[in-house]
Amino acid sequence: MGNTTRHRPGRTALAGAAAGLLVLVGAVSGCSAGDGGDGSGRGGQSATRPERKTTPQWKANPSSIAAVGDSITRGFDACSVLADCPEASWATGNDPAVHSLASRLLGDAKAAGSSWNFARTGARMADLPGQMEAAVERRPELVTVMAGSNDACRASARAMTPVAAFRADFERALKELRSTLPRTQVYVSSVPDLLRLWEQGRGSPLGRQIWKLGVCPSMLADPEALDTPAVTRRQAVRTRVEAYNRVLKDVCGKDPLCRYDGGAVFRYPFTATQLSRWDWFHPGKDGQARLAELAHRQVTAARPPSG
């Protein structure tokens, strides 16, 4: 037999065979050319599915509370004449007669060190961003907001805060909070019905005398006047308060961790007995207790109010 020379396959032939094998495996597995491997047909894309963004859930048991707003949250005239009384505040006070929101949620012992009141007597919505900035430093799990009465209570109806400015200031306050604390919850109280305040207090000779000192002139000036200009003025103030409340509802509604009270405070049928006997305007301790009760009901509810 003559010598026979065996020819080993070269590298090029081996590479071709390997490529053919891969094509065959691909055909059997059902992956077409350009398939990303997840069956989507998106060539070149990662097979990992994008994370689903979950809507943050409302917690009915926050462990710390900060309050922002105006004189109502400061407890003004609830304990003594022309003075703040933060211990009687509906939001963060420690007076057992009020049983504040902080006391109801945290317990009296814990509330003392885990609740803070940054509200200021006389504050308007324009002051809220600065108060919110201060609140952020405490990193609370819940912030309560009650502001707007002083935007309507001006020297005249014409001097009330424009609705657009009210909206811009409230949006700025929430943005201040969210820039640092995206997970903090916010409870927003509606602005009280100032027309009901006039209706409840005008029957008191003492109340009428006190109002003449300059308490909310846009609504309470000339409390006994029932002529057309007086009625028109009071209705203009009420209409503006209603507009403010629509702003609060709308802006808060765009934030999944913000709860507007659905108009609960605005609609609450308070009586003269729940007003301060020093000014017949601010809530007394009984009025503060009712505000705390309303807030607690909203904060601990399984779902936000529909109103």
Protein backbone atom coordinates (compact mmCIF):
# COMPACT_ATOMS: atom_id res chain seq x y z
CA MET A 1 0.00 0.00 0.00
CA GLY A 2 1.27 3.41 -0.81
CA ASN A 3 1.64 6.10 1.81
CA THR A 4 -1.64 7.99 2.27
CA THR A 5 -1.56 11.50 3.63
CA ARG A 6 -4.31 12.47 6.12
CA HIS A 7 -5.43 16.09 5.88
CA ARG A 8 -6.46 17.63 9.22
CA PRO A 9 -9.23 20.17 8.99
CA GLY A 10 -7.90 23.68 9.15
CA ARG A 11 -9.02 26.38 11.56
CA THR A 12 -11.27 27.92 8.93
CA ALA A 13 -13.23 24.70 8.50
CA LEU A 14 -13.63 24.24 12.26
CA ALA A 15 -14.95 27.77 12.65
CA GLY A 16 -17.49 27.19 9.90
CA ALA A 17 -18.71 24.01 11.51
CA ALA A 18 -19.11 25.73 14.87
CA ALA A 19 -21.10 28.53 13.29
CA GLY A 20 -23.40 26.03 11.64
CA LEU A 21 -23.99 24.31 14.93
CA LEU A 22 -24.97 27.60 16.61
CA VAL A 23 -27.44 28.35 13.84
CA LEU A 24 -28.99 24.92 14.28
CA VAL A 25 -29.30 25.34 18.07
CA GLY A 26 -30.88 28.73 17.57
CA ALA A 27 -33.45 27.34 15.17
CA VAL A 28 -34.40 24.54 17.55
CA SER A 29 -34.75 26.89 20.54
CA GLY A 30 -37.02 29.25 18.61
CA CYS A 31 -34.82 32.36 18.93
CA SER A 32 -34.96 34.28 15.68
CA ALA A 33 -32.25 36.57 14.46
CA GLY A 34 -32.38 39.89 16.25
CA ASP A 35 -34.23 38.44 19.28
CA GLY A 36 -32.94 39.84 22.55
CA GLY A 37 -33.47 36.51 24.29
CA ASP A 38 -36.62 37.52 26.14
CA GLY A 39 -39.02 36.72 23.35
CA SER A 40 -39.73 40.37 22.76
CA GLY A 41 -38.00 40.63 19.43
CA ARG A 42 -36.03 43.69 20.60
CA GLY A 43 -32.59 43.03 19.26
CA GLY A 44 -29.61 44.16 21.27
CA GLN A 45 -31.64 45.02 24.39
CA SER A 46 -31.06 43.48 27.77
CA ALA A 47 -33.30 40.59 28.71
CA THR A 48 -33.83 42.15 32.18
CA ARG A 49 -37.27 43.66 32.56
CA PRO A 50 -37.43 47.24 33.83
CA GLU A 51 -38.41 47.70 37.48
CA ARG A 52 -42.00 48.61 38.12
CA LYS A 53 -42.44 51.82 40.04
CA THR A 54 -44.73 51.20 42.98
CA THR A 55 -47.01 53.90 44.34
CA PRO A 56 -45.91 54.78 47.89
CA GLN A 57 -48.39 53.61 50.49
CA TRP A 58 -49.91 55.91 53.13
CA LYS A 59 -48.95 54.98 56.71
CA ALA A 60 -51.58 55.52 59.37
CA ASN A 61 -48.97 55.47 62.13
CA PRO A 62 -46.22 58.02 61.43
CA SER A 63 -43.54 58.20 64.10
CA SER A 64 -42.93 61.97 64.01
CA ILE A 65 -44.93 65.11 63.12
CA ALA A 66 -44.11 68.68 62.12
CA ALA A 67 -46.78 71.38 61.84
CA VAL A 68 -46.72 74.42 59.57
CA GLY A 69 -49.29 77.15 59.14
CA ASP A 70 -50.74 80.15 60.94
CA SER A 71 -52.15 81.28 64.29
CA ILE A 72 -54.72 78.50 64.48
CA THR A 73 -51.95 75.91 64.61
CA ARG A 74 -50.10 78.07 67.16
CA GLY A 75 -53.14 77.96 69.44
CA PHE A 76 -53.40 81.76 69.46
CA ASP A 77 -55.87 83.07 72.05
CA ALA A 78 -56.78 79.55 73.15
CA CYS A 79 -55.33 80.04 76.64
CA SER A 80 -54.89 83.76 77.22
CA VAL A 81 -55.49 87.05 75.45
CA LEU A 82 -53.30 88.00 72.49
CA ALA A 83 -50.82 85.17 73.03
CA ASP A 84 -49.78 81.96 71.33
CA CYS A 85 -50.60 78.78 73.22
CA PRO A 86 -48.81 75.97 71.34
CA GLU A 87 -49.61 73.52 74.13
CA ALA A 88 -53.25 73.80 73.00
CA SER A 89 -52.46 73.34 69.30
CA TRP A 90 -54.65 70.82 67.48
CA ALA A 91 -51.55 69.51 65.70
CA THR A 92 -48.75 69.21 68.24
CA GLY A 93 -50.05 70.40 71.63
CA ASN A 94 -49.86 68.49 74.90
CA ASP A 95 -52.99 69.85 76.62
CA PRO A 96 -55.17 66.84 77.55
CA ALA A 97 -58.28 68.95 76.95
CA VAL A 98 -57.31 69.13 73.26
CA HIS A 99 -55.74 65.69 72.81
CA SER A 100 -53.79 66.84 69.75
CA LEU A 101 -53.07 64.88 66.62
CA ALA A 102 -49.54 64.22 67.86
CA SER A 103 -50.86 62.86 71.16
CA ARG A 104 -53.38 60.67 69.40
CA LEU A 105 -50.85 59.24 66.95
CA LEU A 106 -47.68 59.06 69.02
CA GLY A 107 -48.86 58.98 72.61
CA ASP A 108 -48.18 61.79 75.07
CA ALA A 109 -44.73 60.58 76.08
CA LYS A 110 -43.35 60.21 72.56
CA ALA A 111 -45.10 63.30 71.19
CA ALA A 112 -43.01 65.55 73.42
CA GLY A 113 -39.81 64.65 71.58
CA SER A 114 -41.14 63.74 68.15
CA SER A 115 -43.40 66.65 67.19
CA TRP A 116 -42.50 70.23 66.26
CA ASN A 117 -44.57 73.34 65.60
CA PHE A 118 -43.20 75.72 62.96
CA ALA A 119 -46.46 77.64 62.39
CA ARG A 120 -46.46 81.39 62.97
CA THR A 121 -49.22 83.74 63.99
CA GLY A 122 -50.10 86.03 61.10
CA ALA A 123 -48.53 83.78 58.47
CA ARG A 124 -49.94 83.57 54.97
CA MET A 125 -49.35 80.99 52.28
CA ALA A 126 -46.33 82.97 51.09
CA ASP A 127 -44.65 82.10 54.41
CA LEU A 128 -45.20 78.36 54.05
CA PRO A 129 -42.07 77.55 51.99
CA GLY A 130 -39.84 78.99 54.72
CA GLN A 131 -41.69 77.07 57.42
CA MET A 132 -41.42 73.91 55.35
CA GLU A 133 -37.68 74.43 55.00
CA ALA A 134 -37.39 74.53 58.79
CA ALA A 135 -39.59 71.45 59.14
CA VAL A 136 -37.44 69.48 56.70
CA GLU A 137 -34.48 69.72 59.05
CA ARG A 138 -36.36 67.54 61.55
CA ARG A 139 -37.10 64.92 58.88
CA PRO A 140 -40.68 64.25 60.09
CA GLU A 141 -42.74 61.37 58.76
CA LEU A 142 -45.85 63.58 58.65
CA VAL A 143 -46.28 67.31 58.05
CA THR A 144 -49.59 69.03 58.81
CA VAL A 145 -50.59 72.13 56.86
CA MET A 146 -53.23 74.66 57.84
CA ALA A 147 -52.87 77.97 56.05
CA GLY A 148 -55.01 80.38 54.07
CA SER A 149 -57.17 82.19 56.62
CA ASN A 150 -54.83 85.17 56.70
CA ASP A 151 -54.78 85.29 52.90
CA ALA A 152 -58.53 85.93 53.01
CA CYS A 153 -58.52 88.00 56.22
CA ARG A 154 -57.13 91.25 54.87
CA ALA A 155 -57.93 94.93 55.34
CA SER A 156 -60.43 94.66 52.48
CA ALA A 157 -61.72 92.06 50.05
CA ARG A 158 -59.59 93.66 47.33
CA ALA A 159 -56.45 93.01 49.35
CA MET A 160 -56.93 89.23 49.53
CA THR A 161 -54.12 87.08 48.12
CA PRO A 162 -54.76 86.32 44.42
CA VAL A 163 -55.59 82.68 43.77
CA ALA A 164 -52.67 82.26 41.34
CA ALA A 165 -50.19 83.52 43.92
CA PHE A 166 -51.74 81.27 46.57
CA ARG A 167 -51.27 78.28 44.26
CA ALA A 168 -47.68 79.17 43.39
CA ASP A 169 -46.74 79.52 47.06
CA PHE A 170 -48.33 76.22 48.03
CA GLU A 171 -46.62 74.42 45.15
CA ARG A 172 -43.32 75.95 46.19
CA ALA A 173 -43.81 74.75 49.76
CA LEU A 174 -44.46 71.17 48.66
CA LYS A 175 -41.48 71.32 46.32
CA GLU A 176 -39.32 72.45 49.24
CA LEU A 177 -40.42 69.38 51.16
CA ARG A 178 -40.09 66.93 48.29
CA SER A 179 -36.60 68.08 47.33
CA THR A 180 -35.33 66.47 50.54
CA LEU A 181 -38.07 64.20 51.87
CA PRO A 182 -39.85 62.35 49.04
CA ARG A 183 -41.47 59.88 51.45
CA THR A 184 -42.84 62.26 54.09
CA GLN A 185 -46.63 62.34 54.29
CA VAL A 186 -48.60 65.58 54.22
CA TYR A 187 -52.01 66.27 55.75
CA VAL A 188 -53.61 69.47 54.40
CA SER A 189 -56.53 71.08 56.19
CA SER A 190 -59.08 73.08 54.25
CA VAL A 191 -59.40 76.79 55.06
CA PRO A 192 -62.24 77.34 57.60
CA ASP A 193 -65.50 78.94 56.49
CA LEU A 194 -65.10 82.55 57.58
CA LEU A 195 -68.70 83.35 56.73
CA ARG A 196 -69.88 80.82 59.31
CA LEU A 197 -67.52 82.50 61.76
CA TRP A 198 -69.35 85.78 61.20
CA GLU A 199 -72.72 84.05 61.52
CA GLN A 200 -71.79 82.43 64.83
CA GLY A 201 -70.08 85.41 66.45
CA ARG A 202 -72.16 88.38 65.36
CA GLY A 203 -74.79 87.66 68.00
CA SER A 204 -72.34 88.47 70.80
CA PRO A 205 -72.09 92.18 71.77
CA LEU A 206 -68.62 91.49 73.18
CA GLY A 207 -67.56 89.69 70.04
CA ARG A 208 -68.73 92.57 67.86
CA GLN A 209 -66.76 95.05 69.97
CA ILE A 210 -63.60 92.95 69.71
CA TRP A 211 -63.97 92.57 65.96
CA LYS A 212 -63.98 96.37 65.65
CA LEU A 213 -60.34 96.30 66.81
CA GLY A 214 -59.42 94.95 63.39
CA VAL A 215 -60.08 91.20 63.48
CA CYS A 216 -60.38 89.95 59.88
CA PRO A 217 -61.85 93.20 58.47
CA SER A 218 -62.57 91.76 55.02
CA MET A 219 -65.20 89.51 56.60
CA LEU A 220 -65.95 90.91 60.07
CA ALA A 221 -65.98 94.68 59.58
CA ASP A 222 -69.42 96.22 60.28
CA PRO A 223 -70.74 92.88 61.54
CA GLU A 224 -74.32 94.11 61.95
CA ALA A 225 -74.55 95.58 58.45
CA LEU A 226 -76.89 93.67 56.16
CA ASP A 227 -76.98 96.03 53.21
CA THR A 228 -75.97 94.95 49.72
CA PRO A 229 -72.30 96.13 49.89
CA ALA A 230 -71.74 94.27 53.18
CA VAL A 231 -73.37 91.07 51.93
CA THR A 232 -71.44 91.28 48.67
CA ARG A 233 -68.16 91.81 50.50
CA ARG A 234 -68.67 88.83 52.78
CA GLN A 235 -69.67 86.61 49.88
CA ALA A 236 -66.55 87.67 47.98
CA VAL A 237 -64.41 86.51 50.91
CA ARG A 238 -66.23 83.19 51.10
CA THR A 239 -65.84 82.69 47.36
CA ARG A 240 -62.12 83.33 47.66
CA VAL A 241 -61.81 80.81 50.51
CA GLU A 242 -63.60 78.25 48.33
CA ALA A 243 -61.11 78.97 45.55
CA TYR A 244 -58.20 78.50 47.96
CA ASN A 245 -59.61 75.14 48.98
CA ARG A 246 -59.86 74.05 45.36
CA VAL A 247 -56.18 74.90 44.98
CA LEU A 248 -55.27 72.88 48.07
CA LYS A 249 -57.24 69.91 46.77
CA ASP A 250 -55.77 70.11 43.27
CA VAL A 251 -52.12 70.58 44.22
CA CYS A 252 -52.26 68.02 47.02
CA GLY A 253 -54.03 65.56 44.73
CA LYS A 254 -51.00 65.42 42.44
CA ASP A 255 -48.81 64.11 45.25
CA PRO A 256 -49.46 60.45 46.21
CA LEU A 257 -48.38 61.10 49.81
CA CYS A 258 -50.50 64.23 50.34
CA ARG A 259 -54.01 64.08 51.82
CA TYR A 260 -56.40 67.00 51.60
CA ASP A 261 -59.17 66.78 54.19
CA GLY A 262 -61.87 66.85 51.54
CA GLY A 263 -63.24 70.12 52.90
CA ALA A 264 -63.91 68.67 56.35
CA VAL A 265 -62.73 71.75 58.27
CA PHE A 266 -64.49 74.14 55.89
CA ARG A 267 -67.78 72.26 56.30
CA TYR A 268 -67.51 71.61 60.04
CA PRO A 269 -70.58 73.11 61.79
CA PHE A 270 -68.67 74.82 64.62
CA THR A 271 -70.58 76.97 67.07
CA ALA A 272 -69.75 80.09 69.07
CA THR A 273 -68.92 77.92 72.08
CA GLN A 274 -65.88 76.60 70.20
CA LEU A 275 -64.44 80.08 69.58
CA SER A 276 -61.93 81.90 71.76
CA ARG A 277 -63.62 84.21 74.26
CA TRP A 278 -60.78 86.67 73.79
CA ASP A 279 -61.31 87.36 70.09
CA TRP A 280 -64.34 85.35 68.89
CA PHE A 281 -62.28 84.33 65.90
CA HIS A 282 -59.67 81.71 66.74
CA PRO A 283 -60.66 78.27 68.05
CA GLY A 284 -60.76 77.89 71.82
CA LYS A 285 -59.63 74.63 73.36
CA ASP A 286 -62.85 72.90 72.39
CA GLY A 287 -62.43 74.09 68.81
CA GLN A 288 -58.82 72.93 68.79
CA ALA A 289 -59.96 69.51 70.01
CA ARG A 290 -62.43 69.25 67.14
CA LEU A 291 -59.67 70.09 64.64
CA ALA A 292 -57.47 67.38 66.17
CA GLU A 293 -60.33 64.89 65.93
CA LEU A 294 -60.94 65.69 62.25
CA ALA A 295 -57.25 65.43 61.42
CA HIS A 296 -56.84 62.12 63.22
CA ARG A 297 -59.80 60.68 61.37
CA GLN A 298 -58.27 61.65 58.01
CA VAL A 299 -54.72 60.58 58.76
CA THR A 300 -55.71 57.14 60.03
CA ALA A 301 -58.34 56.41 57.38
CA ALA A 302 -57.64 53.53 54.99
CA ARG A 303 -58.35 55.82 52.05
CA PRO A 304 -58.28 59.58 51.51
CA PRO A 305 -61.59 61.47 51.59
CA SER A 306 -63.45 61.71 48.30
CA GLY A 307 -64.52 65.33 48.71
